């Protein structure tokens, strides 16, 4: 065999390395991109430092070196908060996708051996529907390791590493595989004692109580009153919380009148901790099980999906 020919089974080394993307980035650049991506998601160098377990000055130094390397400013810097420049927004879109793909690839390898399923679920669905039924699923499918994270934000597969999510919206989400789980209505509720004391019998009566607002859905009350055909009353005071779960809890404790999500109030009604004040319910949207198209091959996800849809199917 000629010495000029490579040995069988061995690849000839590349003469040029410019086409190898992984080799074109030095470790310092990768660390700088990591610092940039975490900082832009959190809007803070200090918070990014906490997540990455380094000092805030280290984060600032890495990002400054990245800006010098790229020849462009990536952040508008304020006293406590940073926000990306136009160049920073473009880089953030690319870095978010890249890091998410890397993490998803790692998760896929782990899931292949561990049958692990990572879900991002909205708090109301998790606490009022999913968590009470989890034992049924885990008893039937003991080989699947479920990891559930709750958040008031719908899952974003471009920047997050979840296998699937349970999201909320009025329409079918685009760019993902989506199964509609249930329709949701908002209905006004209050503790029975408060309803009796303030004589809350009509829409106009609601102004005598504090209205409990959900900050992530500020239009919920105006939309309900519009659907009821009545103007929003001038409430004596207002209470604001960050989720419908917290709003229901506040209403149960007599803090005011909340818009609760039907069908998640059945248990509270059964216990007698709340009363539905009026029959008017406003359809606000629905819950959806969503996952990327490529996740169809995830057997743990398919098992969970089959169970979930069967649990929600109307009785024969």
C-alpha atoms as a PDB file:
ATOM      1  CA  UNK A   1       0.000   0.000   0.000  1.00  0.00           C
ATOM      2  CA  UNK A   2       1.331   3.401  -0.932  1.00  0.00           C
ATOM      3  CA  UNK A   3       2.415   5.664   1.887  1.00  0.00           C
ATOM      4  CA  UNK A   4       0.554   8.479   0.169  1.00  0.00           C
ATOM      5  CA  UNK A   5      -2.788   6.758   0.705  1.00  0.00           C
ATOM      6  CA  UNK A   6      -4.488   6.967   4.107  1.00  0.00           C
ATOM      7  CA  UNK A   7      -4.969   3.791   6.051  1.00  0.00           C
ATOM      8  CA  UNK A   8      -8.367   2.130   5.728  1.00  0.00           C
ATOM      9  CA  UNK A   9     -10.910   3.344   8.260  1.00  0.00           C
ATOM     10  CA  UNK A  10      -9.110   6.580   9.044  1.00  0.00           C
ATOM     11  CA  UNK A  11     -10.291   9.996   7.911  1.00  0.00           C
ATOM     12  CA  UNK A  12      -7.870  12.295   6.252  1.00  0.00           C
ATOM     13  CA  UNK A  13      -7.294  15.393   8.390  1.00  0.00           C
ATOM     14  CA  UNK A  14      -8.849  18.543   7.010  1.00  0.00           C
ATOM     15  CA  UNK A  15      -6.391  20.934   5.410  1.00  0.00           C
ATOM     16  CA  UNK A  16      -8.478  23.949   6.389  1.00  0.00           C
ATOM     17  CA  UNK A  17     -10.316  24.539   9.633  1.00  0.00           C
ATOM     18  CA  UNK A  18     -12.392  27.529   8.552  1.00  0.00           C
ATOM     19  CA  UNK A  19     -15.375  25.276   7.818  1.00  0.00           C
ATOM     20  CA  UNK A  20     -15.473  23.862  11.346  1.00  0.00           C
ATOM     21  CA  UNK A  21     -17.825  26.118  13.313  1.00  0.00           C
ATOM     22  CA  UNK A  22     -17.024  24.499  16.664  1.00  0.00           C
ATOM     23  CA  UNK A  23     -13.294  25.019  16.123  1.00  0.00           C
ATOM     24  CA  UNK A  24     -13.698  28.665  15.121  1.00  0.00           C
ATOM     25  CA  UNK A  25     -14.798  29.734  18.618  1.00  0.00           C
ATOM     26  CA  UNK A  26     -12.208  29.867  21.383  1.00  0.00           C
ATOM     27  CA  UNK A  27     -13.281  28.902  24.938  1.00  0.00           C
ATOM     28  CA  UNK A  28     -13.304  32.571  25.934  1.00  0.00           C
ATOM     29  CA  UNK A  29     -15.779  33.343  23.143  1.00  0.00           C
ATOM     30  CA  UNK A  30     -18.057  30.499  24.209  1.00  0.00           C
ATOM     31  CA  UNK A  31     -18.030  31.714  27.822  1.00  0.00           C
ATOM     32  CA  UNK A  32     -18.734  35.257  26.625  1.00  0.00           C
ATOM     33  CA  UNK A  33     -21.673  34.078  24.505  1.00  0.00           C
ATOM     34  CA  UNK A  34     -23.020  32.136  27.488  1.00  0.00           C
ATOM     35  CA  UNK A  35     -22.752  35.215  29.719  1.00  0.00           C
ATOM     36  CA  UNK A  36     -24.407  37.366  27.053  1.00  0.00           C
ATOM     37  CA  UNK A  37     -27.317  34.962  26.512  1.00  0.00           C
ATOM     38  CA  UNK A  38     -28.090  34.580  30.224  1.00  0.00           C
ATOM     39  CA  UNK A  39     -27.780  38.346  30.822  1.00  0.00           C
ATOM     40  CA  UNK A  40     -30.111  39.237  27.959  1.00  0.00           C
ATOM     41  CA  UNK A  41     -32.766  36.735  29.174  1.00  0.00           C
ATOM     42  CA  UNK A  42     -32.607  38.024  32.765  1.00  0.00           C
ATOM     43  CA  UNK A  43     -32.047  41.708  31.951  1.00  0.00           C
ATOM     44  CA  UNK A  44     -29.333  41.955  34.589  1.00  0.00           C
ATOM     45  CA  UNK A  45     -25.596  41.280  34.808  1.00  0.00           C
ATOM     46  CA  UNK A  46     -25.956  40.649  38.548  1.00  0.00           C
ATOM     47  CA  UNK A  47     -28.668  38.012  38.099  1.00  0.00           C
ATOM     48  CA  UNK A  48     -26.684  36.381  35.293  1.00  0.00           C
ATOM     49  CA  UNK A  49     -23.681  36.203  37.615  1.00  0.00           C
ATOM     50  CA  UNK A  50     -25.797  34.414  40.222  1.00  0.00           C
ATOM     51  CA  UNK A  51     -27.059  31.862  37.719  1.00  0.00           C
ATOM     52  CA  UNK A  52     -23.571  31.158  36.321  1.00  0.00           C
ATOM     53  CA  UNK A  53     -21.918  31.257  39.774  1.00  0.00           C
ATOM     54  CA  UNK A  54     -19.383  33.943  38.850  1.00  0.00           C
ATOM     55  CA  UNK A  55     -18.965  37.586  39.872  1.00  0.00           C
ATOM     56  CA  UNK A  56     -20.909  40.404  38.226  1.00  0.00           C
ATOM     57  CA  UNK A  57     -17.595  41.933  37.139  1.00  0.00           C
ATOM     58  CA  UNK A  58     -16.713  38.666  35.374  1.00  0.00           C
ATOM     59  CA  UNK A  59     -19.990  38.817  33.440  1.00  0.00           C
ATOM     60  CA  UNK A  60     -19.355  42.465  32.518  1.00  0.00           C
ATOM     61  CA  UNK A  61     -15.781  41.668  31.460  1.00  0.00           C
ATOM     62  CA  UNK A  62     -16.831  38.737  29.243  1.00  0.00           C
ATOM     63  CA  UNK A  63     -19.540  40.760  27.537  1.00  0.00           C
ATOM     64  CA  UNK A  64     -17.213  43.736  27.034  1.00  0.00           C
ATOM     65  CA  UNK A  65     -14.667  41.443  25.359  1.00  0.00           C
ATOM     66  CA  UNK A  66     -17.419  40.036  23.162  1.00  0.00           C
ATOM     67  CA  UNK A  67     -18.431  43.564  22.138  1.00  0.00           C
ATOM     68  CA  UNK A  68     -14.811  44.358  21.266  1.00  0.00           C
ATOM     69  CA  UNK A  69     -14.518  41.127  19.288  1.00  0.00           C
ATOM     70  CA  UNK A  70     -17.721  41.826  17.344  1.00  0.00           C
ATOM     71  CA  UNK A  71     -17.132  45.570  17.030  1.00  0.00           C
ATOM     72  CA  UNK A  72     -20.621  46.443  18.237  1.00  0.00           C
ATOM     73  CA  UNK A  73     -22.332  47.434  21.485  1.00  0.00           C
ATOM     74  CA  UNK A  74     -24.684  44.681  22.657  1.00  0.00           C
ATOM     75  CA  UNK A  75     -26.403  46.374  25.619  1.00  0.00           C
ATOM     76  CA  UNK A  76     -27.830  49.703  26.692  1.00  0.00           C
ATOM     77  CA  UNK A  77     -26.586  49.877  30.287  1.00  0.00           C
ATOM     78  CA  UNK A  78     -28.669  51.488  33.057  1.00  0.00           C
ATOM     79  CA  UNK A  79     -28.153  51.564  36.825  1.00  0.00           C
ATOM     80  CA  UNK A  80     -29.820  48.244  37.644  1.00  0.00           C
ATOM     81  CA  UNK A  81     -31.154  46.940  34.335  1.00  0.00           C
ATOM     82  CA  UNK A  82     -29.612  46.275  30.937  1.00  0.00           C
ATOM     83  CA  UNK A  83     -31.443  45.891  27.660  1.00  0.00           C
ATOM     84  CA  UNK A  84     -30.088  44.739  24.300  1.00  0.00           C
ATOM     85  CA  UNK A  85     -29.240  47.067  21.449  1.00  0.00           C
ATOM     86  CA  UNK A  86     -30.406  46.249  17.931  1.00  0.00           C
ATOM     87  CA  UNK A  87     -27.199  44.256  17.417  1.00  0.00           C
ATOM     88  CA  UNK A  88     -27.774  42.582  20.784  1.00  0.00           C
ATOM     89  CA  UNK A  89     -31.314  41.567  19.822  1.00  0.00           C
ATOM     90  CA  UNK A  90     -30.048  39.952  16.610  1.00  0.00           C
ATOM     91  CA  UNK A  91     -27.334  38.050  18.477  1.00  0.00           C
ATOM     92  CA  UNK A  92     -29.789  37.053  21.233  1.00  0.00           C
ATOM     93  CA  UNK A  93     -32.152  35.487  18.700  1.00  0.00           C
ATOM     94  CA  UNK A  94     -29.316  33.355  17.334  1.00  0.00           C
ATOM     95  CA  UNK A  95     -27.681  32.507  20.659  1.00  0.00           C
ATOM     96  CA  UNK A  96     -31.009  31.566  22.242  1.00  0.00           C
ATOM     97  CA  UNK A  97     -31.758  29.096  19.455  1.00  0.00           C
ATOM     98  CA  UNK A  98     -28.221  27.695  19.524  1.00  0.00           C
ATOM     99  CA  UNK A  99     -28.073  27.116  23.278  1.00  0.00           C
ATOM    100  CA  UNK A 100     -31.613  25.699  23.294  1.00  0.00           C
ATOM    101  CA  UNK A 101     -30.701  23.232  20.539  1.00  0.00           C
ATOM    102  CA  UNK A 102     -27.587  22.139  22.425  1.00  0.00           C
ATOM    103  CA  UNK A 103     -29.558  21.669  25.643  1.00  0.00           C
ATOM    104  CA  UNK A 104     -32.356  19.845  23.810  1.00  0.00           C
ATOM    105  CA  UNK A 105     -29.807  17.508  22.215  1.00  0.00           C
ATOM    106  CA  UNK A 106     -28.336  16.769  25.642  1.00  0.00           C
ATOM    107  CA  UNK A 107     -31.813  16.252  27.098  1.00  0.00           C
ATOM    108  CA  UNK A 108     -32.708  13.909  24.232  1.00  0.00           C
ATOM    109  CA  UNK A 109     -29.686  11.736  24.961  1.00  0.00           C
ATOM    110  CA  UNK A 110     -30.515  11.695  28.666  1.00  0.00           C
ATOM    111  CA  UNK A 111     -34.186  10.984  27.981  1.00  0.00           C
ATOM    112  CA  UNK A 112     -33.292   8.022  25.769  1.00  0.00           C
ATOM    113  CA  UNK A 113     -31.799   6.289  28.790  1.00  0.00           C
ATOM    114  CA  UNK A 114     -33.967   7.639  31.582  1.00  0.00           C
ATOM    115  CA  UNK A 115     -37.389   8.109  29.925  1.00  0.00           C
ATOM    116  CA  UNK A 116     -37.495  11.633  31.362  1.00  0.00           C
ATOM    117  CA  UNK A 117     -40.170  14.127  30.334  1.00  0.00           C
ATOM    118  CA  UNK A 118     -39.762  17.857  31.035  1.00  0.00           C
ATOM    119  CA  UNK A 119     -43.001  19.883  31.027  1.00  0.00           C
ATOM    120  CA  UNK A 120     -43.680  23.603  31.422  1.00  0.00           C
ATOM    121  CA  UNK A 121     -47.217  24.066  32.763  1.00  0.00           C
ATOM    122  CA  UNK A 122     -49.274  27.132  33.641  1.00  0.00           C
ATOM    123  CA  UNK A 123     -49.918  27.284  37.419  1.00  0.00           C
ATOM    124  CA  UNK A 124     -53.738  27.054  37.364  1.00  0.00           C
ATOM    125  CA  UNK A 125     -53.764  23.926  35.205  1.00  0.00           C
ATOM    126  CA  UNK A 126     -50.971  22.372  37.265  1.00  0.00           C
ATOM    127  CA  UNK A 127     -52.495  22.964  40.710  1.00  0.00           C
ATOM    128  CA  UNK A 128     -56.175  22.486  39.898  1.00  0.00           C
ATOM    129  CA  UNK A 129     -56.055  19.667  37.359  1.00  0.00           C
ATOM    130  CA  UNK A 130     -52.702  18.002  36.673  1.00  0.00           C
ATOM    131  CA  UNK A 131     -51.135  17.590  40.126  1.00  0.00           C
ATOM    132  CA  UNK A 132     -54.229  15.928  41.681  1.00  0.00           C
ATOM    133  CA  UNK A 133     -54.174  13.313  38.899  1.00  0.00           C
ATOM    134  CA  UNK A 134     -50.429  12.667  38.707  1.00  0.00           C
ATOM    135  CA  UNK A 135     -50.535   9.607  40.942  1.00  0.00           C
ATOM    136  CA  UNK A 136     -52.816   7.916  38.399  1.00  0.00           C
ATOM    137  CA  UNK A 137     -50.311   8.507  35.603  1.00  0.00           C
ATOM    138  CA  UNK A 138     -47.223   7.540  37.628  1.00  0.00           C
ATOM    139  CA  UNK A 139     -48.860   4.358  38.897  1.00  0.00           C
ATOM    140  CA  UNK A 140     -49.514   3.220  35.348  1.00  0.00           C
ATOM    141  CA  UNK A 141     -46.181   4.417  33.954  1.00  0.00           C
ATOM    142  CA  UNK A 142     -43.606   4.003  36.709  1.00  0.00           C
ATOM    143  CA  UNK A 143     -40.738   3.994  34.199  1.00  0.00           C
ATOM    144  CA  UNK A 144     -41.279   7.663  33.225  1.00  0.00           C
ATOM    145  CA  UNK A 145     -39.563  10.397  35.221  1.00  0.00           C
ATOM    146  CA  UNK A 146     -41.656  13.582  35.083  1.00  0.00           C
ATOM    147  CA  UNK A 147     -40.118  17.023  35.665  1.00  0.00           C
ATOM    148  CA  UNK A 148     -42.774  19.765  35.876  1.00  0.00           C
ATOM    149  CA  UNK A 149     -42.043  23.479  36.055  1.00  0.00           C
ATOM    150  CA  UNK A 150     -44.850  25.994  36.505  1.00  0.00           C
ATOM    151  CA  UNK A 151     -44.746  29.479  35.043  1.00  0.00           C
ATOM    152  CA  UNK A 152     -47.170  32.243  34.083  1.00  0.00           C
ATOM    153  CA  UNK A 153     -45.529  32.366  30.643  1.00  0.00           C
ATOM    154  CA  UNK A 154     -46.224  29.944  27.815  1.00  0.00           C
ATOM    155  CA  UNK A 155     -43.330  27.712  26.800  1.00  0.00           C
ATOM    156  CA  UNK A 156     -40.951  29.048  24.117  1.00  0.00           C
ATOM    157  CA  UNK A 157     -39.194  26.138  22.415  1.00  0.00           C
ATOM    158  CA  UNK A 158     -36.765  28.475  20.624  1.00  0.00           C
ATOM    159  CA  UNK A 159     -35.100  29.416  23.903  1.00  0.00           C
ATOM    160  CA  UNK A 160     -36.225  26.761  26.417  1.00  0.00           C
ATOM    161  CA  UNK A 161     -35.388  23.070  26.701  1.00  0.00           C
ATOM    162  CA  UNK A 162     -38.747  21.593  27.662  1.00  0.00           C
ATOM    163  CA  UNK A 163     -40.050  18.539  25.820  1.00  0.00           C
ATOM    164  CA  UNK A 164     -43.622  19.858  25.913  1.00  0.00           C
ATOM    165  CA  UNK A 165     -45.798  22.442  27.582  1.00  0.00           C
ATOM    166  CA  UNK A 166     -49.368  23.177  28.555  1.00  0.00           C
ATOM    167  CA  UNK A 167     -50.051  26.685  27.292  1.00  0.00           C
ATOM    168  CA  UNK A 168     -53.007  29.041  27.164  1.00  0.00           C
ATOM    169  CA  UNK A 169     -54.379  31.114  24.313  1.00  0.00           C
ATOM    170  CA  UNK A 170     -57.459  31.975  22.279  1.00  0.00           C
ATOM    171  CA  UNK A 171     -56.211  30.308  19.114  1.00  0.00           C
ATOM    172  CA  UNK A 172     -54.227  27.236  18.146  1.00  0.00           C
ATOM    173  CA  UNK A 173     -50.500  28.003  18.587  1.00  0.00           C
ATOM    174  CA  UNK A 174     -48.472  28.144  15.383  1.00  0.00           C
ATOM    175  CA  UNK A 175     -45.204  26.385  14.630  1.00  0.00           C
ATOM    176  CA  UNK A 176     -45.816  23.520  17.072  1.00  0.00           C
ATOM    177  CA  UNK A 177     -47.940  20.401  17.363  1.00  0.00           C
ATOM    178  CA  UNK A 178     -50.925  21.458  19.496  1.00  0.00           C
ATOM    179  CA  UNK A 179     -53.841  19.539  21.009  1.00  0.00           C
ATOM    180  CA  UNK A 180     -56.718  21.525  22.534  1.00  0.00           C
ATOM    181  CA  UNK A 181     -57.395  20.291  26.053  1.00  0.00           C
ATOM    182  CA  UNK A 182     -60.274  22.394  27.378  1.00  0.00           C
ATOM    183  CA  UNK A 183     -62.161  25.654  26.993  1.00  0.00           C
ATOM    184  CA  UNK A 184     -61.791  28.217  29.771  1.00  0.00           C
ATOM    185  CA  UNK A 185     -64.321  30.787  31.024  1.00  0.00           C
ATOM    186  CA  UNK A 186     -63.901  33.569  33.567  1.00  0.00           C
ATOM    187  CA  UNK A 187     -66.633  33.791  36.221  1.00  0.00           C
ATOM    188  CA  UNK A 188     -66.850  36.206  39.210  1.00  0.00           C
ATOM    189  CA  UNK A 189     -66.525  34.512  42.595  1.00  0.00           C
ATOM    190  CA  UNK A 190     -66.273  35.571  46.228  1.00  0.00           C
ATOM    191  CA  UNK A 191     -66.328  34.079  49.695  1.00  0.00           C
ATOM    192  CA  UNK A 192     -69.947  33.384  50.764  1.00  0.00           C
ATOM    193  CA  UNK A 193     -69.626  35.620  53.835  1.00  0.00           C
ATOM    194  CA  UNK A 194     -68.432  38.564  51.738  1.00  0.00           C
ATOM    195  CA  UNK A 195     -71.197  38.014  49.178  1.00  0.00           C
ATOM    196  CA  UNK A 196     -73.840  38.093  51.930  1.00  0.00           C
ATOM    197  CA  UNK A 197     -72.364  41.087  53.772  1.00  0.00           C
ATOM    198  CA  UNK A 198     -72.069  43.258  50.640  1.00  0.00           C
ATOM    199  CA  UNK A 199     -75.257  41.879  49.021  1.00  0.00           C
ATOM    200  CA  UNK A 200     -73.479  41.015  45.762  1.00  0.00           C
ATOM    201  CA  UNK A 201     -76.406  40.025  43.529  1.00  0.00           C
ATOM    202  CA  UNK A 202     -75.990  41.988  40.285  1.00  0.00           C
ATOM    203  CA  UNK A 203     -73.172  43.182  38.072  1.00  0.00           C
ATOM    204  CA  UNK A 204     -73.487  46.720  39.443  1.00  0.00           C
ATOM    205  CA  UNK A 205     -73.130  45.380  43.014  1.00  0.00           C
ATOM    206  CA  UNK A 206     -69.569  44.234  42.303  1.00  0.00           C
ATOM    207  CA  UNK A 207     -68.381  47.822  42.714  1.00  0.00           C
ATOM    208  CA  UNK A 208     -69.025  47.514  46.450  1.00  0.00           C
ATOM    209  CA  UNK A 209     -66.195  45.001  46.758  1.00  0.00           C
ATOM    210  CA  UNK A 210     -62.519  45.098  45.947  1.00  0.00           C
ATOM    211  CA  UNK A 211     -61.909  43.671  42.504  1.00  0.00           C
ATOM    212  CA  UNK A 212     -58.974  41.263  42.436  1.00  0.00           C
ATOM    213  CA  UNK A 213     -56.902  41.794  39.279  1.00  0.00           C
ATOM    214  CA  UNK A 214     -54.342  39.449  37.728  1.00  0.00           C
ATOM    215  CA  UNK A 215     -51.364  41.502  36.555  1.00  0.00           C
ATOM    216  CA  UNK A 216     -50.464  39.076  33.759  1.00  0.00           C
ATOM    217  CA  UNK A 217     -54.016  39.375  32.335  1.00  0.00           C
ATOM    218  CA  UNK A 218     -54.940  43.047  32.901  1.00  0.00           C
ATOM    219  CA  UNK A 219     -57.817  42.966  30.404  1.00  0.00           C
ATOM    220  CA  UNK A 220     -59.661  40.123  32.165  1.00  0.00           C
ATOM    221  CA  UNK A 221     -62.132  42.296  34.101  1.00  0.00           C
ATOM    222  CA  UNK A 222     -62.836  44.805  31.280  1.00  0.00           C
ATOM    223  CA  UNK A 223     -63.487  41.914  28.878  1.00  0.00           C
ATOM    224  CA  UNK A 224     -65.827  40.201  31.341  1.00  0.00           C
ATOM    225  CA  UNK A 225     -67.865  43.387  31.917  1.00  0.00           C
ATOM    226  CA  UNK A 226     -68.030  44.025  28.168  1.00  0.00           C
ATOM    227  CA  UNK A 227     -69.325  40.472  27.670  1.00  0.00           C
ATOM    228  CA  UNK A 228     -71.883  41.079  30.439  1.00  0.00           C
ATOM    229  CA  UNK A 229     -73.011  44.262  28.693  1.00  0.00           C
ATOM    230  CA  UNK A 230     -72.203  46.483  31.667  1.00  0.00           C
ATOM    231  CA  UNK A 231     -69.631  49.224  32.300  1.00  0.00           C
ATOM    232  CA  UNK A 232     -66.776  48.502  34.675  1.00  0.00           C
ATOM    233  CA  UNK A 233     -67.941  49.784  38.073  1.00  0.00           C
ATOM    234  CA  UNK A 234     -65.839  52.169  40.122  1.00  0.00           C
ATOM    235  CA  UNK A 235     -64.689  49.710  42.762  1.00  0.00           C
ATOM    236  CA  UNK A 236     -63.951  51.054  46.218  1.00  0.00           C
ATOM    237  CA  UNK A 237     -60.482  49.502  46.051  1.00  0.00           C
ATOM    238  CA  UNK A 238     -58.462  47.001  44.047  1.00  0.00           C
ATOM    239  CA  UNK A 239     -56.155  44.091  44.791  1.00  0.00           C
ATOM    240  CA  UNK A 240     -53.530  42.877  42.301  1.00  0.00           C
ATOM    241  CA  UNK A 241     -51.902  39.442  42.234  1.00  0.00           C
ATOM    242  CA  UNK A 242     -49.753  37.690  39.652  1.00  0.00           C
ATOM    243  CA  UNK A 243     -51.869  34.630  38.799  1.00  0.00           C
ATOM    244  CA  UNK A 244     -55.412  33.273  38.725  1.00  0.00           C
ATOM    245  CA  UNK A 245     -54.354  30.753  41.382  1.00  0.00           C
ATOM    246  CA  UNK A 246     -53.475  33.600  43.762  1.00  0.00           C
ATOM    247  CA  UNK A 247     -56.671  35.470  42.804  1.00  0.00           C
ATOM    248  CA  UNK A 248     -58.825  32.476  43.731  1.00  0.00           C
ATOM    249  CA  UNK A 249     -56.977  32.045  47.035  1.00  0.00           C
ATOM    250  CA  UNK A 250     -57.462  35.733  47.843  1.00  0.00           C
ATOM    251  CA  UNK A 251     -61.181  35.489  47.055  1.00  0.00           C
ATOM    252  CA  UNK A 252     -61.555  32.403  49.268  1.00  0.00           C
ATOM    253  CA  UNK A 253     -60.122  34.414  52.154  1.00  0.00           C
ATOM    254  CA  UNK A 254     -62.545  37.289  51.672  1.00  0.00           C
ATOM    255  CA  UNK A 255     -60.159  39.798  50.081  1.00  0.00           C
ATOM    256  CA  UNK A 256     -62.615  40.697  47.327  1.00  0.00           C
ATOM    257  CA  UNK A 257     -64.221  39.457  44.109  1.00  0.00           C
ATOM    258  CA  UNK A 258     -62.023  37.500  41.703  1.00  0.00           C
ATOM    259  CA  UNK A 259     -62.444  36.247  38.193  1.00  0.00           C
ATOM    260  CA  UNK A 260     -61.940  32.509  38.521  1.00  0.00           C
ATOM    261  CA  UNK A 261     -61.287  30.119  35.683  1.00  0.00           C
ATOM    262  CA  UNK A 262     -63.995  27.570  34.989  1.00  0.00           C
ATOM    263  CA  UNK A 263     -63.710  24.523  35.078  1.00  0.00           C
ATOM    264  CA  UNK A 264     -61.135  24.870  37.887  1.00  0.00           C
ATOM    265  CA  UNK A 265     -63.496  26.041  40.641  1.00  0.00           C
ATOM    266  CA  UNK A 266     -65.517  22.869  41.193  1.00  0.00           C
ATOM    267  CA  UNK A 267     -63.496  21.757  44.228  1.00  0.00           C
ATOM    268  CA  UNK A 268     -63.658  25.188  45.893  1.00  0.00           C
ATOM    269  CA  UNK A 269     -67.419  25.308  45.294  1.00  0.00           C
ATOM    270  CA  UNK A 270     -67.796  21.828  46.743  1.00  0.00           C
ATOM    271  CA  UNK A 271     -65.900  22.877  49.890  1.00  0.00           C
ATOM    272  CA  UNK A 272     -68.033  26.016  50.128  1.00  0.00           C
ATOM    273  CA  UNK A 273     -65.052  28.388  50.205  1.00  0.00           C
ATOM    274  CA  UNK A 274     -66.320  30.416  47.242  1.00  0.00           C
ATOM    275  CA  UNK A 275     -69.631  31.237  45.617  1.00  0.00           C
ATOM    276  CA  UNK A 276     -70.263  31.906  41.954  1.00  0.00           C
ATOM    277  CA  UNK A 277     -71.898  35.335  42.048  1.00  0.00           C
ATOM    278  CA  UNK A 278     -73.422  35.571  38.554  1.00  0.00           C
ATOM    279  CA  UNK A 279     -74.168  33.089  35.772  1.00  0.00           C
ATOM    280  CA  UNK A 280     -72.278  35.108  33.161  1.00  0.00           C
ATOM    281  CA  UNK A 281     -69.108  33.396  31.978  1.00  0.00           C
ATOM    282  CA  UNK A 282     -66.736  34.850  29.389  1.00  0.00           C
ATOM    283  CA  UNK A 283     -64.819  32.431  27.147  1.00  0.00           C
ATOM    284  CA  UNK A 284     -61.229  33.647  27.195  1.00  0.00           C
ATOM    285  CA  UNK A 285     -59.445  30.842  25.363  1.00  0.00           C
ATOM    286  CA  UNK A 286     -58.270  27.333  25.945  1.00  0.00           C
ATOM    287  CA  UNK A 287     -55.468  25.180  27.260  1.00  0.00           C
ATOM    288  CA  UNK A 288     -53.248  23.433  24.730  1.00  0.00           C
ATOM    289  CA  UNK A 289     -50.716  20.630  24.973  1.00  0.00           C
ATOM    290  CA  UNK A 290     -47.863  21.803  22.743  1.00  0.00           C
ATOM    291  CA  UNK A 291     -44.571  20.292  21.639  1.00  0.00           C
ATOM    292  CA  UNK A 292     -42.103  20.694  18.750  1.00  0.00           C
ATOM    293  CA  UNK A 293     -42.778  18.555  15.671  1.00  0.00           C
ATOM    294  CA  UNK A 294     -39.574  16.569  16.246  1.00  0.00           C
ATOM    295  CA  UNK A 295     -40.768  15.459  19.686  1.00  0.00           C
ATOM    296  CA  UNK A 296     -43.161  12.975  18.059  1.00  0.00           C
ATOM    297  CA  UNK A 297     -40.365  10.403  18.498  1.00  0.00           C
ATOM    298  CA  UNK A 298     -40.260  10.908  22.283  1.00  0.00           C
ATOM    299  CA  UNK A 299     -41.986   7.803  23.659  1.00  0.00           C
ATOM    300  CA  UNK A 300     -42.405   9.287  27.139  1.00  0.00           C
ATOM    301  CA  UNK A 301     -44.174  12.302  25.630  1.00  0.00           C
ATOM    302  CA  UNK A 302     -46.447  10.125  23.512  1.00  0.00           C
ATOM    303  CA  UNK A 303     -47.375   8.054  26.570  1.00  0.00           C
ATOM    304  CA  UNK A 304     -48.173  11.190  28.592  1.00  0.00           C
ATOM    305  CA  UNK A 305     -50.112  12.713  25.679  1.00  0.00           C
ATOM    306  CA  UNK A 306     -52.260   9.594  25.253  1.00  0.00           C
ATOM    307  CA  UNK A 307     -53.035   9.529  28.993  1.00  0.00           C
ATOM    308  CA  UNK A 308     -53.809  13.256  29.156  1.00  0.00           C
ATOM    309  CA  UNK A 309     -56.214  13.239  26.210  1.00  0.00           C
ATOM    310  CA  UNK A 310     -57.964  10.137  27.563  1.00  0.00           C
ATOM    311  CA  UNK A 311     -58.427  11.785  30.981  1.00  0.00           C
ATOM    312  CA  UNK A 312     -59.979  14.873  29.348  1.00  0.00           C
ATOM    313  CA  UNK A 313     -62.189  12.995  26.904  1.00  0.00           C
ATOM    314  CA  UNK A 314     -65.929  13.404  27.592  1.00  0.00           C
ATOM    315  CA  UNK A 315     -67.594  10.322  29.135  1.00  0.00           C
ATOM    316  CA  UNK A 316     -69.405   8.017  26.745  1.00  0.00           C
END
